[in-house]
Structure formats: C-alpha cells, structure tokens
Amino acid sequence: MVPIIVSIIVPLLLYLLNRSSKQKVTALDNGGYELRMNKAYLIIGIAGAVVGLLFLLMPILADEYSLEIFIASGVMFLLVMGFTVPCIMWYKNHSLFFGEQGFITENAYGKRQDMQCGDISQVSFSSFAGVVSVVDKQGNVAKAHQHLVGFSSFVKMLMAQRDKYHFDTKSLSLKTLGLNNY
C-alpha cells in the first residue's frame, strides 16, 4: 500500500513544484522581483522532522531495550533528518531578487551573491540538480533552484539580457524548463 501512495504523491508533488516555477510573479515597488522556494519544501521538512522525532522516541516505546534498537533508531533519525534539514533550509534561506540590471541570490546556508547582467559570462542549467548556475567574469557563481516560485520569469530575463551582454547560454536547457519559446 505504501508504494502505491508514494507513487501517487511524488509525481503529483513534482508536477505542482514545476507548475509553480512557471507561475507569474508580481513586481515589487522598485520594479524588481522576489522569488522564494515553494511552501512544499517547508511542509516536507516539518513532516520529516515529525517522522525523525518518532524514530528518536522508538527506543522508549519498545518493549525491550537493546543496543540494536538504539542504533537503528539513531540511524533512522539521522537519515530522515539528513533530508529534512536541507528542505527547511532551502525554504527559509534560498531566495532570488532580480531586475533588468542584475540579481542577488541567497543559498540554503544564507550566503549571498550579487551579480550585474553586464558581468555574466556563462549561464548553465543542471537538470540533475535542478539549478541554474550563473558565472560572472571574475569566476563567481550564483545558483538559483528551479523550484523557486516564478523561476521561469528569471530565466526569461536572462534570455532577454543574453543578446545585450553576449554571454553564453548554450547549456541552458530551456526545453527542460518548459520555456520552448525562447
């Protein structure tokens, strides 16, 4: 029964995440845009934390106390939290502010990277990681995850700026992003 539920939930979740990345975003007062991660990351993170805490409580609820139960619950707790903590960090910290002249990204760890469109030398997309990487002329790298709500508007801005500033977008797979018009 669990595999059936998982085989329904995971594709549905991916569909919703990809759909929200194509969502239109409204401009801020200064004319720029702010993109944040989908709330599904927070929900998955909280649900995972609850499951992780249940694994941590497992030895208390067991009839017998043995070393194996403590080890198994500890391993399961670490495994679940290994996926849960990054989900929460992505939701809380990852953001992208952009306008016509440039953008500012903040990764899951809170590290900020500012870039001007005139300084961009290369833009690439990793379909495995789901991340657009933007490299400037000094070698600095800024990354934006494809599950940012309104992500397609950022990619459209980059594609509009590429002819003006002549940076490389050969490996930017727009078909993967569902933006075949650009």
N, C-alpha and C. Protein backbone atom coordinates (compact mmCIF):
# COMPACT_ATOMS: atom_id res chain seq x y z
N MET A 1 0.81 -1.20 0.00
CA MET A 1 0.00 0.00 0.00
C MET A 1 0.86 1.27 0.00
N VAL A 2 1.94 1.26 0.79
CA VAL A 2 2.82 2.43 0.86
C VAL A 2 3.44 2.75 -0.50
N PRO A 3 3.95 1.75 -1.27
CA PRO A 3 4.50 2.09 -2.59
C PRO A 3 3.48 2.74 -3.52
N ILE A 4 2.23 2.33 -3.41
CA ILE A 4 1.19 2.93 -4.25
C ILE A 4 0.97 4.39 -3.87
N ILE A 5 0.92 4.66 -2.58
CA ILE A 5 0.74 6.04 -2.10
C ILE A 5 1.92 6.91 -2.53
N VAL A 6 3.14 6.39 -2.36
CA VAL A 6 4.34 7.15 -2.74
C VAL A 6 4.35 7.38 -4.25
N SER A 7 3.96 6.37 -5.04
CA SER A 7 3.98 6.53 -6.49
C SER A 7 2.93 7.52 -6.98
N ILE A 8 1.98 7.85 -6.15
CA ILE A 8 0.99 8.88 -6.50
C ILE A 8 1.44 10.25 -5.99
N ILE A 9 1.94 10.30 -4.77
CA ILE A 9 2.30 11.58 -4.14
C ILE A 9 3.51 12.23 -4.81
N VAL A 10 4.57 11.46 -5.08
CA VAL A 10 5.80 12.05 -5.62
C VAL A 10 5.57 12.70 -6.99
N PRO A 11 4.97 12.02 -7.97
CA PRO A 11 4.74 12.71 -9.25
C PRO A 11 3.81 13.92 -9.12
N LEU A 12 2.81 13.81 -8.25
CA LEU A 12 1.90 14.94 -8.03
C LEU A 12 2.65 16.13 -7.45
N LEU A 13 3.52 15.86 -6.48
CA LEU A 13 4.31 16.92 -5.86
C LEU A 13 5.25 17.56 -6.89
N LEU A 14 5.93 16.75 -7.70
CA LEU A 14 6.81 17.29 -8.73
C LEU A 14 6.04 18.12 -9.75
N TYR A 15 4.86 17.66 -10.11
CA TYR A 15 4.02 18.43 -11.03
C TYR A 15 3.68 19.80 -10.44
N LEU A 16 3.27 19.82 -9.17
CA LEU A 16 2.92 21.09 -8.52
C LEU A 16 4.13 22.01 -8.39
N LEU A 17 5.30 21.44 -8.07
CA LEU A 17 6.51 22.26 -7.94
C LEU A 17 6.90 22.86 -9.29
N ASN A 18 6.85 22.05 -10.34
CA ASN A 18 7.21 22.57 -11.67
C ASN A 18 6.18 23.58 -12.16
N ARG A 19 4.94 23.37 -11.84
CA ARG A 19 3.90 24.32 -12.23
C ARG A 19 4.09 25.67 -11.53
N SER A 20 4.45 25.63 -10.25
CA SER A 20 4.65 26.89 -9.52
C SER A 20 5.88 27.64 -10.00
N SER A 21 6.87 26.92 -10.56
CA SER A 21 8.06 27.62 -11.07
C SER A 21 7.72 28.41 -12.33
N LYS A 22 6.63 28.07 -13.00
CA LYS A 22 6.20 28.80 -14.19
C LYS A 22 5.18 29.89 -13.87
N GLN A 23 4.85 30.02 -12.60
CA GLN A 23 3.85 30.99 -12.15
C GLN A 23 4.34 32.42 -12.37
N LYS A 24 3.43 33.30 -12.73
CA LYS A 24 3.79 34.72 -12.89
C LYS A 24 3.95 35.35 -11.51
N VAL A 25 4.94 36.23 -11.40
CA VAL A 25 5.18 36.93 -10.14
C VAL A 25 4.92 38.41 -10.35
N THR A 26 4.48 39.06 -9.29
CA THR A 26 4.22 40.50 -9.39
C THR A 26 5.47 41.28 -9.00
N ALA A 27 5.64 42.40 -9.65
CA ALA A 27 6.81 43.23 -9.40
C ALA A 27 6.72 43.90 -8.04
N LEU A 28 7.88 44.11 -7.43
CA LEU A 28 7.97 44.86 -6.18
C LEU A 28 7.85 46.35 -6.50
N ASP A 29 7.81 47.17 -5.47
CA ASP A 29 7.68 48.62 -5.66
C ASP A 29 8.84 49.21 -6.47
N ASN A 30 10.04 48.62 -6.33
CA ASN A 30 11.21 49.13 -7.04
C ASN A 30 11.32 48.58 -8.47
N GLY A 31 10.35 47.77 -8.91
CA GLY A 31 10.36 47.23 -10.26
C GLY A 31 11.03 45.87 -10.38
N GLY A 32 11.67 45.42 -9.32
CA GLY A 32 12.32 44.12 -9.33
C GLY A 32 11.35 43.02 -8.93
N TYR A 33 11.88 41.83 -8.81
CA TYR A 33 11.08 40.67 -8.45
C TYR A 33 11.77 39.88 -7.34
N GLU A 34 10.96 39.29 -6.48
CA GLU A 34 11.49 38.44 -5.42
C GLU A 34 10.91 37.04 -5.60
N LEU A 35 11.79 36.05 -5.68
CA LEU A 35 11.37 34.66 -5.81
C LEU A 35 11.78 33.90 -4.55
N ARG A 36 10.86 33.09 -4.04
CA ARG A 36 11.12 32.27 -2.85
C ARG A 36 10.78 30.82 -3.19
N MET A 37 11.28 29.90 -2.38
CA MET A 37 11.01 28.48 -2.59
C MET A 37 9.54 28.17 -2.30
N ASN A 38 9.06 27.12 -2.94
CA ASN A 38 7.69 26.66 -2.76
C ASN A 38 7.47 26.18 -1.33
N LYS A 39 6.27 26.41 -0.80
CA LYS A 39 5.95 26.00 0.58
C LYS A 39 5.97 24.49 0.77
N ALA A 40 5.93 23.75 -0.32
CA ALA A 40 6.01 22.29 -0.21
C ALA A 40 7.31 21.88 0.48
N TYR A 41 8.38 22.65 0.29
CA TYR A 41 9.64 22.34 0.96
C TYR A 41 9.50 22.44 2.48
N LEU A 42 8.78 23.44 2.95
CA LEU A 42 8.56 23.58 4.39
C LEU A 42 7.68 22.45 4.91
N ILE A 43 6.63 22.12 4.19
CA ILE A 43 5.73 21.05 4.62
C ILE A 43 6.46 19.71 4.67
N ILE A 44 7.25 19.42 3.65
CA ILE A 44 8.04 18.18 3.64
C ILE A 44 9.03 18.19 4.79
N GLY A 45 9.65 19.34 5.04
CA GLY A 45 10.61 19.45 6.14
C GLY A 45 9.98 19.21 7.49
N ILE A 46 8.82 19.80 7.73
CA ILE A 46 8.14 19.62 9.01
C ILE A 46 7.67 18.18 9.17
N ALA A 47 7.10 17.61 8.11
CA ALA A 47 6.66 16.21 8.18
C ALA A 47 7.84 15.28 8.44
N GLY A 48 8.96 15.55 7.79
CA GLY A 48 10.16 14.75 8.02
C GLY A 48 10.68 14.89 9.44
N ALA A 49 10.61 16.09 9.99
CA ALA A 49 11.06 16.30 11.38
C ALA A 49 10.19 15.51 12.35
N VAL A 50 8.89 15.46 12.09
CA VAL A 50 7.98 14.69 12.95
C VAL A 50 8.33 13.20 12.87
N VAL A 51 8.56 12.71 11.65
CA VAL A 51 8.94 11.30 11.48
C VAL A 51 10.28 11.03 12.17
N GLY A 52 11.23 11.95 12.02
CA GLY A 52 12.52 11.80 12.68
C GLY A 52 12.40 11.73 14.19
N LEU A 53 11.55 12.57 14.75
CA LEU A 53 11.34 12.54 16.20
C LEU A 53 10.66 11.25 16.64
N LEU A 54 9.78 10.71 15.81
CA LEU A 54 9.17 9.41 16.13
C LEU A 54 10.23 8.32 16.18
N PHE A 55 11.19 8.37 15.25
CA PHE A 55 12.28 7.39 15.29
C PHE A 55 13.12 7.57 16.55
N LEU A 56 13.28 8.81 16.99
CA LEU A 56 14.05 9.07 18.20
C LEU A 56 13.32 8.54 19.44
N LEU A 57 12.00 8.55 19.41
CA LEU A 57 11.21 8.05 20.54
C LEU A 57 11.02 6.53 20.50
N MET A 58 11.39 5.92 19.40
CA MET A 58 11.19 4.48 19.23
C MET A 58 11.78 3.64 20.37
N PRO A 59 12.98 3.89 20.85
CA PRO A 59 13.51 3.07 21.95
C PRO A 59 12.69 3.17 23.23
N ILE A 60 12.08 4.31 23.48
CA ILE A 60 11.26 4.47 24.69
C ILE A 60 10.00 3.63 24.60
N LEU A 61 9.45 3.53 23.39
CA LEU A 61 8.20 2.79 23.19
C LEU A 61 8.41 1.29 23.03
N ALA A 62 9.65 0.86 22.86
CA ALA A 62 9.93 -0.57 22.66
C ALA A 62 9.74 -1.35 23.95
N ASP A 63 9.33 -2.61 23.80
CA ASP A 63 9.14 -3.48 24.97
C ASP A 63 10.48 -3.84 25.61
N GLU A 64 11.46 -4.07 24.77
CA GLU A 64 12.78 -4.43 25.27
C GLU A 64 13.77 -3.33 24.87
N TYR A 65 14.71 -3.09 25.75
CA TYR A 65 15.76 -2.13 25.44
C TYR A 65 16.99 -2.91 25.03
N SER A 66 17.42 -2.69 23.81
CA SER A 66 18.63 -3.35 23.34
C SER A 66 19.47 -2.35 22.55
N LEU A 67 20.71 -2.69 22.40
CA LEU A 67 21.64 -1.83 21.66
C LEU A 67 21.19 -1.68 20.21
N GLU A 68 20.65 -2.76 19.63
CA GLU A 68 20.22 -2.71 18.23
C GLU A 68 19.09 -1.70 18.01
N ILE A 69 18.16 -1.64 18.96
CA ILE A 69 17.05 -0.69 18.82
C ILE A 69 17.57 0.75 18.90
N PHE A 70 18.50 1.01 19.81
CA PHE A 70 19.07 2.36 19.93
C PHE A 70 19.85 2.73 18.67
N ILE A 71 20.62 1.79 18.14
CA ILE A 71 21.39 2.06 16.92
C ILE A 71 20.46 2.28 15.73
N ALA A 72 19.46 1.40 15.59
CA ALA A 72 18.52 1.53 14.46
C ALA A 72 17.75 2.84 14.52
N SER A 73 17.29 3.21 15.69
CA SER A 73 16.53 4.47 15.80
C SER A 73 17.44 5.67 15.55
N GLY A 74 18.68 5.60 16.01
CA GLY A 74 19.62 6.70 15.76
C GLY A 74 19.96 6.84 14.29
N VAL A 75 20.18 5.71 13.62
CA VAL A 75 20.48 5.74 12.19
C VAL A 75 19.29 6.28 11.40
N MET A 76 18.10 5.81 11.72
CA MET A 76 16.90 6.29 11.01
C MET A 76 16.66 7.78 11.27
N PHE A 77 16.90 8.21 12.51
CA PHE A 77 16.76 9.63 12.84
C PHE A 77 17.71 10.47 11.99
N LEU A 78 18.97 10.07 11.93
CA LEU A 78 19.96 10.81 11.14
C LEU A 78 19.64 10.78 9.65
N LEU A 79 19.16 9.63 9.17
CA LEU A 79 18.81 9.52 7.76
C LEU A 79 17.66 10.45 7.40
N VAL A 80 16.61 10.42 8.19
CA VAL A 80 15.44 11.27 7.92
C VAL A 80 15.81 12.74 8.07
N MET A 81 16.55 13.08 9.11
CA MET A 81 16.92 14.48 9.32
C MET A 81 17.90 14.96 8.25
N GLY A 82 18.66 14.04 7.66
CA GLY A 82 19.56 14.39 6.57
C GLY A 82 18.83 14.91 5.35
N PHE A 83 17.58 14.50 5.19
CA PHE A 83 16.75 15.02 4.11
C PHE A 83 15.86 16.17 4.56
N THR A 84 15.49 16.15 5.82
CA THR A 84 14.56 17.14 6.36
C THR A 84 15.20 18.52 6.53
N VAL A 85 16.35 18.55 7.14
CA VAL A 85 17.02 19.83 7.41
C VAL A 85 17.30 20.61 6.12
N PRO A 86 17.82 19.98 5.06
CA PRO A 86 18.01 20.76 3.83
C PRO A 86 16.72 21.32 3.24
N CYS A 87 15.62 20.57 3.35
CA CYS A 87 14.33 21.08 2.85
C CYS A 87 13.94 22.36 3.58
N ILE A 88 14.07 22.33 4.89
CA ILE A 88 13.72 23.52 5.68
C ILE A 88 14.68 24.67 5.38
N MET A 89 15.97 24.36 5.25
CA MET A 89 16.96 25.40 4.95
C MET A 89 16.71 26.02 3.57
N TRP A 90 16.38 25.20 2.57
CA TRP A 90 16.07 25.74 1.25
C TRP A 90 14.88 26.68 1.34
N TYR A 91 13.84 26.26 2.06
CA TYR A 91 12.64 27.09 2.15
C TYR A 91 12.93 28.41 2.88
N LYS A 92 13.61 28.34 3.99
CA LYS A 92 13.85 29.53 4.82
C LYS A 92 14.84 30.50 4.19
N ASN A 93 15.89 29.99 3.56
CA ASN A 93 17.00 30.85 3.15
C ASN A 93 17.10 31.15 1.66
N HIS A 94 16.76 30.20 0.80
CA HIS A 94 17.01 30.40 -0.63
C HIS A 94 16.03 31.41 -1.21
N SER A 95 16.58 32.45 -1.78
CA SER A 95 15.76 33.49 -2.41
C SER A 95 16.52 34.09 -3.58
N LEU A 96 15.78 34.77 -4.42
CA LEU A 96 16.36 35.41 -5.59
C LEU A 96 15.64 36.74 -5.80
N PHE A 97 16.40 37.82 -5.82
CA PHE A 97 15.88 39.15 -6.13
C PHE A 97 16.50 39.54 -7.46
N PHE A 98 15.68 39.92 -8.43
CA PHE A 98 16.26 40.30 -9.71
C PHE A 98 15.49 41.44 -10.36
N GLY A 99 16.21 42.14 -11.22
CA GLY A 99 15.66 43.22 -12.02
C GLY A 99 16.34 43.18 -13.38
N GLU A 100 16.17 44.22 -14.16
CA GLU A 100 16.75 44.25 -15.50
C GLU A 100 18.27 44.36 -15.48
N GLN A 101 18.84 44.93 -14.44
CA GLN A 101 20.29 45.16 -14.40
C GLN A 101 21.08 44.03 -13.76
N GLY A 102 20.45 43.26 -12.88
CA GLY A 102 21.18 42.20 -12.20
C GLY A 102 20.31 41.47 -11.20
N PHE A 103 20.96 40.73 -10.32
CA PHE A 103 20.21 39.93 -9.35
C PHE A 103 21.06 39.63 -8.12
N ILE A 104 20.37 39.22 -7.07
CA ILE A 104 21.01 38.80 -5.81
C ILE A 104 20.41 37.45 -5.45
N THR A 105 21.27 36.46 -5.22
CA THR A 105 20.79 35.16 -4.76
C THR A 105 21.27 34.92 -3.34
N GLU A 106 20.51 34.15 -2.61
CA GLU A 106 20.90 33.70 -1.28
C GLU A 106 20.68 32.20 -1.25
N ASN A 107 21.74 31.44 -0.94
CA ASN A 107 21.62 29.99 -0.97
C ASN A 107 21.02 29.45 0.33
N ALA A 108 20.95 28.14 0.44
CA ALA A 108 20.33 27.50 1.61
C ALA A 108 21.07 27.81 2.90
N TYR A 109 22.34 28.17 2.81
CA TYR A 109 23.14 28.47 4.00
C TYR A 109 23.17 29.96 4.32
N GLY A 110 22.46 30.78 3.53
CA GLY A 110 22.40 32.21 3.78
C GLY A 110 23.49 33.01 3.09
N LYS A 111 24.32 32.37 2.26
CA LYS A 111 25.38 33.09 1.55
C LYS A 111 24.78 33.84 0.37
N ARG A 112 25.10 35.14 0.29
CA ARG A 112 24.56 36.00 -0.76
C ARG A 112 25.58 36.17 -1.89
N GLN A 113 25.05 36.29 -3.10
CA GLN A 113 25.88 36.56 -4.27
C GLN A 113 25.17 37.59 -5.14
N ASP A 114 25.83 38.73 -5.36
CA ASP A 114 25.28 39.79 -6.20
C ASP A 114 25.92 39.70 -7.58
N MET A 115 25.14 39.90 -8.63
CA MET A 115 25.68 39.91 -9.99
C MET A 115 24.96 40.94 -10.83
N GLN A 116 25.71 41.60 -11.67
CA GLN A 116 25.16 42.50 -12.66
C GLN A 116 25.11 41.76 -13.99
N CYS A 117 24.10 42.01 -14.79
CA CYS A 117 23.96 41.31 -16.07
C CYS A 117 25.16 41.55 -16.98
N GLY A 118 25.76 42.72 -16.91
CA GLY A 118 26.92 43.02 -17.73
C GLY A 118 28.16 42.23 -17.35
N ASP A 119 28.18 41.63 -16.16
CA ASP A 119 29.33 40.85 -15.70
C ASP A 119 29.19 39.36 -15.97
N ILE A 120 28.03 38.92 -16.44
CA ILE A 120 27.79 37.49 -16.66
C ILE A 120 28.60 36.99 -17.84
N SER A 121 29.27 35.84 -17.66
CA SER A 121 30.00 35.24 -18.77
C SER A 121 29.35 33.94 -19.24
N GLN A 122 28.66 33.24 -18.35
CA GLN A 122 28.09 31.96 -18.73
C GLN A 122 26.88 31.63 -17.86
N VAL A 123 25.88 31.00 -18.46
CA VAL A 123 24.70 30.52 -17.75
C VAL A 123 24.49 29.07 -18.14
N SER A 124 24.32 28.21 -17.15
CA SER A 124 24.08 26.79 -17.44
C SER A 124 22.99 26.25 -16.53
N PHE A 125 22.37 25.16 -16.98
CA PHE A 125 21.31 24.52 -16.20
C PHE A 125 21.67 23.06 -15.99
N SER A 126 21.60 22.61 -14.74
CA SER A 126 21.81 21.21 -14.41
C SER A 126 20.45 20.59 -14.14
N SER A 127 20.01 19.71 -15.04
CA SER A 127 18.71 19.08 -14.83
C SER A 127 18.75 18.10 -13.67
N PHE A 128 19.92 17.55 -13.35
CA PHE A 128 20.04 16.63 -12.22
C PHE A 128 19.83 17.38 -10.90
N ALA A 129 20.48 18.53 -10.74
CA ALA A 129 20.35 19.30 -9.50
C ALA A 129 19.17 20.26 -9.56
N GLY A 130 18.66 20.55 -10.76
CA GLY A 130 17.55 21.49 -10.89
C GLY A 130 17.97 22.92 -10.61
N VAL A 131 19.19 23.26 -10.99
CA VAL A 131 19.76 24.56 -10.63
C VAL A 131 20.32 25.26 -11.86
N VAL A 132 20.02 26.55 -11.98
CA VAL A 132 20.67 27.39 -12.98
C VAL A 132 21.89 28.01 -12.30
N SER A 133 23.04 27.84 -12.92
CA SER A 133 24.29 28.43 -12.41
C SER A 133 24.69 29.58 -13.32
N VAL A 134 24.96 30.72 -12.72
CA VAL A 134 25.38 31.90 -13.45
C VAL A 134 26.79 32.24 -13.00
N VAL A 135 27.71 32.31 -13.97
CA VAL A 135 29.12 32.60 -13.68
C VAL A 135 29.44 33.98 -14.22
N ASP A 136 30.09 34.80 -13.39
CA ASP A 136 30.48 36.13 -13.87
C ASP A 136 31.92 36.10 -14.37
N LYS A 137 32.40 37.23 -14.87
CA LYS A 137 33.73 37.32 -15.46
C LYS A 137 34.85 37.12 -14.45
N GLN A 138 34.56 37.30 -13.16
CA GLN A 138 35.56 37.08 -12.12
C GLN A 138 35.55 35.63 -11.62
N GLY A 139 34.64 34.81 -12.11
CA GLY A 139 34.56 33.41 -11.70
C GLY A 139 33.60 33.14 -10.56
N ASN A 140 32.92 34.16 -10.07
CA ASN A 140 31.92 33.96 -9.01
C ASN A 140 30.71 33.22 -9.58
N VAL A 141 30.13 32.35 -8.78
CA VAL A 141 28.99 31.55 -9.23
C VAL A 141 27.78 31.85 -8.35
N ALA A 142 26.66 32.12 -8.99
CA ALA A 142 25.37 32.28 -8.30
C ALA A 142 24.45 31.20 -8.82
N LYS A 143 23.70 30.57 -7.91
CA LYS A 143 22.81 29.48 -8.31
C LYS A 143 21.38 29.78 -7.88
N ALA A 144 20.45 29.36 -8.73
CA ALA A 144 19.03 29.52 -8.43
C ALA A 144 18.33 28.20 -8.73
N HIS A 145 17.55 27.71 -7.77
CA HIS A 145 16.86 26.43 -7.89
C HIS A 145 15.60 26.58 -8.74
N GLN A 146 15.30 25.55 -9.52
CA GLN A 146 14.14 25.61 -10.42
C GLN A 146 12.80 25.59 -9.70
N HIS A 147 12.77 25.26 -8.40
CA HIS A 147 11.51 25.24 -7.66
C HIS A 147 11.21 26.57 -6.97
N LEU A 148 11.96 27.61 -7.30
CA LEU A 148 11.58 28.95 -6.86
C LEU A 148 10.26 29.30 -7.54
N VAL A 149 9.32 29.83 -6.79
CA VAL A 149 8.03 30.21 -7.38
C VAL A 149 8.27 31.38 -8.32
N GLY A 150 7.93 31.20 -9.61
CA GLY A 150 8.16 32.23 -10.61
C GLY A 150 9.52 32.13 -11.27
N PHE A 151 10.20 31.01 -11.13
CA PHE A 151 11.55 30.81 -11.66
C PHE A 151 11.64 31.11 -13.15
N SER A 152 10.61 30.77 -13.90
CA SER A 152 10.65 30.99 -15.35
C SER A 152 10.81 32.46 -15.70
N SER A 153 10.31 33.36 -14.86
CA SER A 153 10.48 34.79 -15.13
C SER A 153 11.95 35.20 -15.03
N PHE A 154 12.70 34.57 -14.14
CA PHE A 154 14.14 34.84 -14.04
C PHE A 154 14.86 34.34 -15.29
N VAL A 155 14.51 33.14 -15.74
CA VAL A 155 15.14 32.58 -16.94
C VAL A 155 14.81 33.44 -18.16
N LYS A 156 13.58 33.92 -18.25
CA LYS A 156 13.21 34.79 -19.36
C LYS A 156 14.01 36.08 -19.33
N MET A 157 14.25 36.63 -18.13
CA MET A 157 15.06 37.84 -18.00
C MET A 157 16.49 37.56 -18.48
N LEU A 158 17.04 36.42 -18.08
CA LEU A 158 18.40 36.08 -18.52
C LEU A 158 18.46 35.94 -20.04
N MET A 159 17.47 35.29 -20.61
CA MET A 159 17.47 35.11 -22.06
C MET A 159 17.30 36.44 -22.79
N ALA A 160 16.54 37.36 -22.22
CA ALA A 160 16.38 38.68 -22.82
C ALA A 160 17.68 39.48 -22.74
N GLN A 161 18.47 39.26 -21.69
CA GLN A 161 19.72 40.00 -21.49
C GLN A 161 20.90 39.40 -22.26
N ARG A 162 20.78 38.15 -22.70
CA ARG A 162 21.94 37.49 -23.32
C ARG A 162 22.38 38.17 -24.60
N ASP A 163 21.45 38.66 -25.41
CA ASP A 163 21.83 39.33 -26.65
C ASP A 163 22.46 40.69 -26.38
N LYS A 164 22.00 41.36 -25.35
CA LYS A 164 22.54 42.68 -25.00
C LYS A 164 23.96 42.57 -24.46
N TYR A 165 24.21 41.54 -23.62
CA TYR A 165 25.52 41.42 -22.96
C TYR A 165 26.38 40.30 -23.52
N HIS A 166 25.86 39.51 -24.44
CA HIS A 166 26.61 38.47 -25.15
C HIS A 166 27.26 37.44 -24.23
N PHE A 167 26.48 36.84 -23.34
CA PHE A 167 27.03 35.75 -22.53
C PHE A 167 26.53 34.41 -23.04
N ASP A 168 27.25 33.36 -22.69
CA ASP A 168 27.00 32.01 -23.19
C ASP A 168 25.83 31.35 -22.46
N THR A 169 24.85 30.86 -23.23
CA THR A 169 23.72 30.12 -22.64
C THR A 169 23.52 28.79 -23.36
N LYS A 170 24.58 28.25 -23.97
CA LYS A 170 24.45 27.02 -24.76
C LYS A 170 23.91 25.85 -23.95
N SER A 171 24.36 25.72 -22.73
CA SER A 171 23.94 24.56 -21.93
C SER A 171 22.68 24.83 -21.11
N LEU A 172 22.04 25.96 -21.34
CA LEU A 172 20.79 26.26 -20.64
C LEU A 172 19.66 25.55 -21.37
N SER A 173 19.17 24.48 -20.79
CA SER A 173 18.15 23.65 -21.42
C SER A 173 16.76 24.22 -21.17
N LEU A 174 16.30 25.05 -22.09
CA LEU A 174 15.00 25.68 -21.92
C LEU A 174 13.86 24.69 -22.11
N LYS A 175 14.10 23.67 -22.92
CA LYS A 175 13.06 22.65 -23.11
C LYS A 175 12.77 21.95 -21.79
N THR A 176 13.82 21.69 -21.02
CA THR A 176 13.64 21.06 -19.71
C THR A 176 12.82 21.95 -18.80
N LEU A 177 13.01 23.25 -18.92
CA LEU A 177 12.27 24.19 -18.08
C LEU A 177 10.87 24.49 -18.61
N GLY A 178 10.54 23.96 -19.78
CA GLY A 178 9.22 24.21 -20.35
C GLY A 178 9.09 25.58 -20.97
N LEU A 179 10.21 26.17 -21.38
CA LEU A 179 10.20 27.50 -21.99
C LEU A 179 10.67 27.39 -23.44
N ASN A 180 9.98 26.65 -24.24
CA ASN A 180 10.40 26.39 -25.60
C ASN A 180 10.36 27.61 -26.50
N ASN A 181 9.68 28.67 -26.09
CA ASN A 181 9.55 29.86 -26.93
C ASN A 181 10.81 30.70 -26.99
N TYR A 182 11.77 30.45 -26.10
CA TYR A 182 12.97 31.29 -26.05
C TYR A 182 14.16 30.59 -26.60
